[in-house]
Protein backbone atom coordinates (compact mmCIF):
# COMPACT_ATOMS: atom_id res chain seq x y z
CA MET A 1 -0.07 -42.07 46.41
CA ARG A 2 1.94 -43.51 43.54
CA PRO A 3 -1.09 -43.95 41.19
CA ARG A 4 -2.18 -40.38 41.97
CA TRP A 5 1.31 -39.07 41.21
CA ARG A 6 1.35 -40.96 37.91
CA ALA A 7 -2.10 -39.61 37.03
CA ALA A 8 -1.04 -36.03 37.78
CA LEU A 9 2.12 -36.43 35.72
CA GLY A 10 0.11 -37.90 32.86
CA ALA A 11 -2.31 -34.99 32.96
CA LEU A 12 0.58 -32.49 32.92
CA VAL A 13 2.28 -34.17 29.96
CA GLY A 14 -1.01 -34.38 28.11
CA GLY A 15 -1.63 -30.68 28.64
CA LEU A 16 1.82 -29.77 27.35
CA LEU A 17 1.34 -31.91 24.26
CA ALA A 18 -2.03 -30.33 23.59
CA ALA A 19 -0.54 -26.84 23.95
CA CYS A 20 2.25 -27.70 21.53
CA SER A 21 -0.16 -29.13 19.00
CA ALA A 22 -2.25 -25.93 19.23
CA ALA A 23 0.72 -23.66 18.55
CA PRO A 24 0.58 -21.92 15.15
CA ALA A 25 2.26 -23.84 12.38
CA ALA A 26 2.37 -23.39 8.64
CA SER A 27 0.31 -25.97 6.84
CA PRO A 28 -0.54 -26.69 3.21
CA ASP A 29 -4.27 -26.14 2.60
CA LEU A 30 -4.23 -25.67 -1.18
CA PRO A 31 -1.90 -27.25 -3.73
CA GLY A 32 1.30 -25.22 -3.78
CA VAL A 33 0.17 -22.87 -0.98
CA LEU A 34 1.71 -22.90 2.49
CA THR A 35 -0.46 -21.04 5.02
CA LEU A 36 0.58 -19.60 8.38
CA ARG A 37 -2.45 -18.58 10.46
CA VAL A 38 -1.72 -15.59 12.67
CA ALA A 39 -3.68 -15.12 15.89
CA ALA A 40 -1.16 -13.55 18.28
CA PRO A 41 1.94 -11.29 18.11
CA GLY A 42 4.29 -14.23 18.63
CA ASP A 43 3.12 -15.78 15.37
CA LEU A 44 4.84 -12.96 13.47
CA GLY A 45 8.24 -13.82 14.90
CA LEU A 46 9.94 -17.21 14.68
CA PRO A 47 6.94 -19.09 13.18
CA LEU A 48 6.84 -16.61 10.29
CA GLN A 49 10.53 -16.99 9.48
CA GLN A 50 10.29 -20.78 9.78
CA ALA A 51 7.41 -20.75 7.31
CA LEU A 52 9.47 -18.71 4.85
CA THR A 53 12.41 -21.10 5.16
CA ARG A 54 10.12 -24.07 4.54
CA ALA A 55 8.46 -22.41 1.53
CA GLU A 56 11.80 -21.60 -0.07
CA ALA A 57 13.13 -25.12 0.49
CA ASP A 58 10.08 -26.94 -0.94
CA ALA A 59 9.97 -26.77 -4.73
CA SER A 60 6.26 -27.69 -4.72
CA ILE A 61 5.31 -24.46 -2.90
CA HIS A 62 4.68 -21.36 -5.01
CA THR A 63 2.90 -19.19 -2.39
CA LEU A 64 3.52 -18.43 1.27
CA ARG A 65 0.21 -17.17 2.64
CA VAL A 66 0.18 -15.31 5.96
CA LEU A 67 -3.47 -15.36 7.03
CA ILE A 68 -4.30 -12.87 9.78
CA ARG A 69 -7.35 -13.78 11.79
CA ASP A 70 -10.01 -11.13 12.17
CA ASP A 71 -9.88 -11.44 15.97
CA ALA A 72 -6.07 -11.37 16.18
CA ALA A 73 -4.93 -8.86 18.80
CA LEU A 74 -1.62 -7.81 17.27
CA GLY A 75 -1.31 -4.33 18.76
CA ASP A 76 1.58 -2.42 17.19
CA MET A 77 3.15 -5.52 15.66
CA GLY A 78 4.26 -5.40 12.05
CA LEU A 79 6.04 -8.01 9.99
CA SER A 80 9.07 -8.48 7.80
CA LEU A 81 9.53 -11.07 5.06
CA VAL A 82 12.57 -11.00 2.80
CA ALA A 83 12.76 -13.80 0.25
CA ALA A 84 16.19 -15.02 -0.78
CA GLN A 85 17.68 -13.27 -3.80
CA PRO A 86 18.40 -14.43 -6.38
CA ALA A 87 15.58 -16.91 -5.91
CA PRO A 88 15.68 -20.35 -7.56
CA ARG A 89 12.02 -19.84 -8.51
CA PRO A 90 9.40 -17.10 -8.09
CA LEU A 91 7.71 -17.27 -4.69
CA THR A 92 4.58 -15.25 -3.91
CA LEU A 93 4.44 -13.66 -0.46
CA LEU A 94 0.76 -13.09 0.32
CA ILE A 95 -0.37 -11.21 3.44
CA GLU A 96 -4.12 -11.66 3.77
CA GLY A 97 -6.81 -10.97 6.33
CA GLU A 98 -9.72 -13.28 7.05
CA ARG A 99 -11.77 -10.11 6.61
CA PRO A 100 -10.76 -6.56 5.64
CA SER A 101 -10.96 -5.60 9.34
CA ALA A 102 -7.95 -7.79 10.15
CA THR A 103 -5.45 -5.18 11.33
CA LEU A 104 -1.70 -4.66 11.50
CA GLY A 105 -0.41 -1.76 13.60
CA GLY A 106 3.31 -1.92 12.91
CA PRO A 107 5.61 -1.42 9.90
CA VAL A 108 5.40 -4.01 7.12
CA HIS A 109 8.47 -4.81 4.99
CA LEU A 110 8.26 -7.27 2.09
CA GLU A 111 10.87 -8.23 -0.50
CA GLY A 112 10.37 -10.87 -3.15
CA ALA A 113 9.53 -11.71 -6.73
CA ARG A 114 5.76 -11.54 -6.24
CA LEU A 115 4.08 -9.69 -3.39
CA ALA A 116 0.42 -9.27 -2.45
CA LEU A 117 -1.59 -7.69 0.36
CA ARG A 118 -5.29 -8.49 0.37
CA ARG A 119 -8.30 -7.83 2.64
CA LEU A 120 -6.28 -6.01 5.26
CA THR A 121 -6.20 -2.85 7.37
CA LEU A 122 -2.95 -1.07 8.21
CA ARG A 123 -3.83 1.41 10.94
CA GLY A 124 -2.03 3.49 13.52
CA VAL A 125 1.54 2.73 12.50
CA ARG A 126 3.96 5.15 14.20
CA SER A 127 7.39 4.85 12.67
CA ALA A 128 10.48 6.87 11.82
CA GLY A 129 10.49 5.20 8.40
CA PRO A 130 7.84 3.96 5.98
CA ALA A 131 4.80 2.14 7.30
CA LEU A 132 4.87 -0.13 4.25
CA THR A 133 8.00 -1.00 2.26
CA LEU A 134 7.71 -3.15 -0.86
CA ARG A 135 10.63 -4.38 -2.98
CA VAL A 136 9.39 -6.39 -5.94
CA GLY A 137 10.95 -8.44 -8.72
CA GLU A 138 7.87 -9.06 -10.88
CA THR A 139 4.50 -7.94 -9.47
CA VAL A 140 3.12 -6.39 -6.31
CA THR A 141 -0.63 -6.09 -5.74
CA LEU A 142 -2.58 -4.34 -3.00
CA GLU A 143 -6.26 -5.27 -3.10
CA GLU A 144 -9.01 -4.33 -0.63
CA VAL A 145 -6.57 -2.58 1.68
CA LEU A 146 -7.50 0.18 4.13
CA PHE A 147 -4.50 2.36 5.03
CA CYS A 148 -5.46 4.87 7.72
CA GLU A 149 -4.12 7.02 10.57
CA ASN A 150 -0.50 6.07 9.97
CA ILE A 151 2.21 8.62 10.82
CA ARG A 152 5.84 8.82 9.75
CA LEU A 153 7.44 10.60 12.68
CA ASP A 154 10.94 11.66 11.61
CA ALA A 155 10.71 15.34 10.65
CA ASP A 156 14.04 15.25 8.80
CA SER A 157 13.31 12.15 6.75
CA PRO A 158 12.07 12.38 3.14
CA ASP A 159 10.74 8.80 3.31
CA PRO A 160 7.16 8.24 2.17
CA LEU A 161 4.61 6.26 4.14
CA ILE A 162 4.41 3.66 1.35
CA ASP A 163 7.75 3.01 -0.34
CA LEU A 164 7.68 1.12 -3.67
CA ALA A 165 10.71 0.01 -5.67
CA ALA A 166 11.90 -2.81 -7.87
CA LEU A 167 14.50 -5.24 -6.69
CA GLN A 168 17.94 -4.75 -8.15
CA SER A 169 17.98 -5.67 -11.85
CA ALA A 170 14.23 -6.36 -12.11
CA PRO A 171 13.47 -4.72 -15.47
CA ASP A 172 9.75 -5.52 -15.63
CA ALA A 173 8.55 -4.92 -12.05
CA ARG A 174 4.96 -3.68 -11.84
CA ALA A 175 2.74 -2.44 -9.01
CA THR A 176 -1.07 -2.44 -8.89
CA LEU A 177 -3.38 -0.96 -6.25
CA ARG A 178 -7.01 -2.02 -6.56
CA ARG A 179 -9.88 -1.03 -4.25
CA VAL A 180 -7.57 0.71 -1.79
CA ALA A 181 -8.56 3.56 0.55
CA LEU A 182 -5.95 5.85 2.14
CA LEU A 183 -7.46 8.05 4.87
CA ARG A 184 -6.02 10.60 7.29
CA ASN A 185 -2.37 9.57 7.18
CA ALA A 186 0.47 11.99 7.88
CA THR A 187 4.17 12.71 7.48
CA THR A 188 5.98 15.32 9.53
CA GLN A 189 7.23 18.21 7.36
CA ARG A 190 8.70 16.15 4.48
CA GLY A 191 7.62 13.00 2.70
CA GLY A 192 4.74 11.84 0.58
CA LEU A 193 2.13 9.14 0.95
CA ILE A 194 2.92 6.74 -1.93
CA GLU A 195 6.25 7.08 -3.69
CA ALA A 196 8.13 4.96 -6.20
CA THR A 197 11.63 5.53 -4.85
CA GLY A 198 13.62 3.26 -7.16
CA THR A 199 16.43 4.69 -9.25
CA GLY A 200 18.91 3.20 -11.70
CA ARG A 201 18.16 -0.52 -12.04
CA ARG A 202 15.38 -0.45 -9.41
CA ILE A 203 12.77 1.52 -11.40
CA LEU A 204 9.20 0.26 -11.71
CA ARG A 205 8.00 -0.43 -15.24
CA ALA A 206 4.36 0.41 -14.42
CA LEU A 207 2.17 1.69 -11.57
CA THR A 208 -1.58 1.17 -11.89
CA LEU A 209 -4.33 2.43 -9.56
CA GLU A 210 -7.90 1.15 -9.95
CA ASP A 211 -10.72 2.40 -7.71
CA VAL A 212 -8.30 3.98 -5.25
CA VAL A 213 -9.20 6.94 -3.02
CA PHE A 214 -6.89 9.30 -1.13
CA VAL A 215 -8.73 11.33 1.51
CA ASP A 216 -7.47 14.12 3.79
CA ASN A 217 -3.86 13.05 4.16
CA ASP A 218 -1.46 15.52 5.80
CA VAL A 219 1.52 14.86 3.51
CA GLU A 220 3.82 16.69 1.13
CA ALA A 221 2.24 14.89 -1.84
CA ALA A 222 -0.23 12.03 -2.15
CA LEU A 223 1.38 10.25 -5.12
CA LEU A 224 4.93 10.51 -6.43
CA PRO A 225 5.66 8.03 -9.25
CA GLY A 226 9.37 8.92 -9.40
CA PHE A 227 11.00 7.39 -12.48
CA THR A 228 8.20 4.88 -13.15
CA ASP A 229 7.77 4.40 -16.90
CA ALA A 230 3.96 4.26 -17.03
CA VAL A 231 1.36 5.52 -14.54
CA HIS A 232 -2.26 4.56 -15.18
CA LEU A 233 -5.09 5.85 -12.99
CA ARG A 234 -8.59 4.40 -13.38
CA GLN A 235 -11.53 5.50 -11.24
CA THR A 236 -9.20 7.22 -8.82
CA ALA A 237 -10.01 10.11 -6.48
CA LEU A 238 -7.53 12.29 -4.61
CA VAL A 239 -9.46 14.53 -2.21
CA GLU A 240 -6.65 16.29 -0.41
CA PRO A 241 -7.35 19.56 1.44
CA ARG A 242 -4.18 19.19 3.56
CA VAL A 243 -1.58 18.20 0.96
CA ARG A 244 1.29 20.67 1.29
CA ARG A 245 2.74 20.65 -2.24
CA ALA A 246 0.53 18.91 -4.80
CA ALA A 247 -1.71 15.86 -4.91
CA LEU A 248 0.27 14.24 -7.76
CA VAL A 249 3.90 15.24 -8.31
CA ILE A 250 5.75 14.16 -11.45
CA THR A 251 9.47 14.88 -11.49
CA SER A 252 10.68 12.82 -14.46
CA PRO A 253 9.86 13.26 -18.17
CA ARG A 254 10.05 9.48 -18.58
CA VAL A 255 6.68 9.13 -16.80
CA GLN A 256 3.81 8.46 -19.22
CA LEU A 257 0.64 9.51 -17.39
CA ALA A 258 -2.75 8.15 -18.47
CA ALA A 259 -6.09 8.31 -16.67
CA GLU A 260 -9.75 7.47 -17.14
CA HIS A 261 -12.25 8.82 -14.62
CA LEU A 262 -9.86 10.74 -12.42
CA LEU A 263 -10.88 13.31 -9.81
CA ILE A 264 -8.38 15.45 -7.95
CA ASP A 265 -9.66 18.04 -5.47
CA ALA A 266 -6.75 19.72 -3.68
CA ALA A 267 -6.06 22.82 -1.64
CA GLN A 268 -2.74 23.09 -3.50
CA LEU A 269 -2.01 21.99 -7.07
CA PRO A 270 -3.84 18.92 -8.35
CA ILE A 271 -0.87 17.90 -10.56
CA LEU A 272 2.62 19.36 -10.50
CA LEU A 273 5.07 18.76 -13.33
CA GLN A 274 8.19 19.71 -11.43
CA SER A 275 11.00 21.12 -13.51
CA SER A 276 14.60 21.43 -12.32
CA GLU A 277 18.06 22.35 -13.57
CA ASP A 278 18.07 19.15 -15.62
CA VAL A 279 14.40 19.10 -16.64
CA ALA A 280 12.69 21.95 -18.48
CA PRO A 281 8.89 22.38 -18.33
CA GLN A 282 8.59 21.49 -22.02
CA ASP A 283 10.43 18.18 -21.48
CA PHE A 284 7.36 16.52 -19.97
CA PRO A 285 5.33 14.47 -22.48
CA PRO A 286 1.59 15.00 -23.03
CA ALA A 287 -0.67 13.16 -20.61
CA ARG A 288 -3.64 11.11 -21.79
CA LEU A 289 -6.47 12.17 -19.47
CA GLN A 290 -10.04 11.13 -20.18
CA ALA A 291 -13.06 12.01 -18.02
CA THR A 292 -10.81 13.96 -15.67
CA THR A 293 -11.67 16.74 -13.22
CA LEU A 294 -8.87 18.74 -11.59
CA ARG A 295 -9.89 21.19 -8.84
CA SER A 296 -7.64 23.55 -6.94
CA ALA A 297 -7.96 26.28 -4.34
CA ARG A 298 -5.15 28.12 -6.14
CA ARG A 299 -5.89 30.20 -9.21
CA VAL A 300 -3.16 28.94 -11.53
CA ASP A 301 -3.10 27.62 -15.05
CA ALA A 302 -2.66 23.91 -15.62
CA PRO A 303 0.38 22.77 -17.59
CA PRO A 304 -0.53 22.46 -21.28
CA GLN A 305 0.62 18.83 -21.31
CA LEU A 306 -2.43 17.90 -19.20
CA GLY A 307 -5.02 19.13 -21.68
CA VAL A 308 -7.39 19.76 -18.74
CA ALA A 309 -7.87 23.07 -16.91
CA PHE A 310 -7.79 23.53 -13.15
CA THR A 311 -11.22 24.51 -11.80
CA PRO A 312 -12.25 25.86 -8.35
CA ARG A 313 -12.47 23.48 -5.42
CA GLU A 314 -15.88 22.19 -4.37
CA LEU A 315 -15.35 19.86 -1.40
CA GLU A 316 -14.69 22.60 1.18
CA HIS A 317 -16.38 20.79 4.08
CA LEU A 318 -15.03 17.28 3.87
CA ASP A 319 -15.87 15.19 6.96
CA SER A 320 -13.03 12.72 6.70
CA ALA A 321 -13.47 11.61 10.32
CA ALA A 322 -16.98 10.38 9.49
CA LEU A 323 -15.66 8.61 6.38
CA LEU A 324 -13.02 6.89 8.52
CA ARG A 325 -15.58 5.75 11.08
CA GLU A 326 -17.66 4.22 8.31
CA ALA A 327 -14.57 2.60 6.79
CA LEU A 328 -13.67 0.97 10.11
CA ARG A 329 -17.23 -0.40 10.25
CA GLY A 330 -16.71 -1.98 6.84
CA THR A 331 -18.08 0.65 4.42
CA TRP A 332 -15.07 2.11 2.65
CA PRO A 333 -15.20 5.22 0.47
CA THR A 334 -14.77 4.40 -3.20
CA PHE A 335 -14.34 6.43 -6.33
CA GLN A 336 -18.12 6.65 -6.66
CA THR A 337 -18.28 8.43 -3.28
CA PHE A 338 -16.71 11.49 -4.91
CA ALA A 339 -17.26 11.05 -8.65
CA PRO A 340 -18.98 13.89 -10.49
CA ARG A 341 -22.39 12.96 -11.81
CA ARG A 342 -21.52 13.84 -15.38
CA TRP A 343 -18.21 13.47 -17.17
CA GLY A 344 -16.97 15.03 -20.37
CA SER A 345 -14.75 13.22 -22.81
CA ARG A 346 -11.80 15.43 -21.83
CA GLY A 347 -12.84 16.46 -18.36
CA HIS A 348 -14.22 19.76 -17.13
């Protein structure tokens, strides 16, 4: 009996050791990059924070990469990573999917000098606050991100679904969205889709969108750049039949708006230059819009600063549900999905 007991004990210990060795752990796979591979909800708890602590303590590490497996069943899990401030050195926090279908279903909150989300789907987030909060010291980049069917539930909250701001005293913080699709998201009563919320010493220096599409979002406004100094839109389409106020709302005269190949098709105003007690309509600077089409269901004149007239809407029968189904299969809508066949030098 004794040899059998020893054999059983040995098998048990061996199994435990194997299980421990299989547990997710951050590992260096590229010089200067520490990678945490995420396959289950538990990986986004203690292992994630341990990886951040290790990355901050090791001077040879410049990037903490959180790699979400395509087959990870994360449910409504989100994640939070807040790098120490002030940081002894810039650390990039990279959230990346093995494929674009890798999905997070809970709120994401990132704070750090350099932030990046790549090849990722954020879908079905139900939250009283933003689905995605980004606080950046230098640069934040979203690339190949599908943001769909997310809902901000608090009817009294003005929070947007995507909240962008600079860290305190970060004078040159910049945000870039590239090849991003935002489909069928919603806020209850108040709140926009993407908003730069920073004020005072937390203002973004620049916000750039390249090949970004907004489609059928039930929000107050699709894009609100706040006090951002420069907003540059390239190959960007906002097709928004359910926007309640305007597709693009500019509230500050400090915003310098420039665009090349921009299409806005909205049931309300395509672009609103919102005056107030402190801001007169003539305070807004001229926009630089090239190859731009602005369509509206409302018969109103465009502000003279735009240099482009509002024309009647054309996309009256948008099947956004079909576009979403195709996106979830891997074929995302792009700017070319909606782009007019012919462009004028100043729009039409």
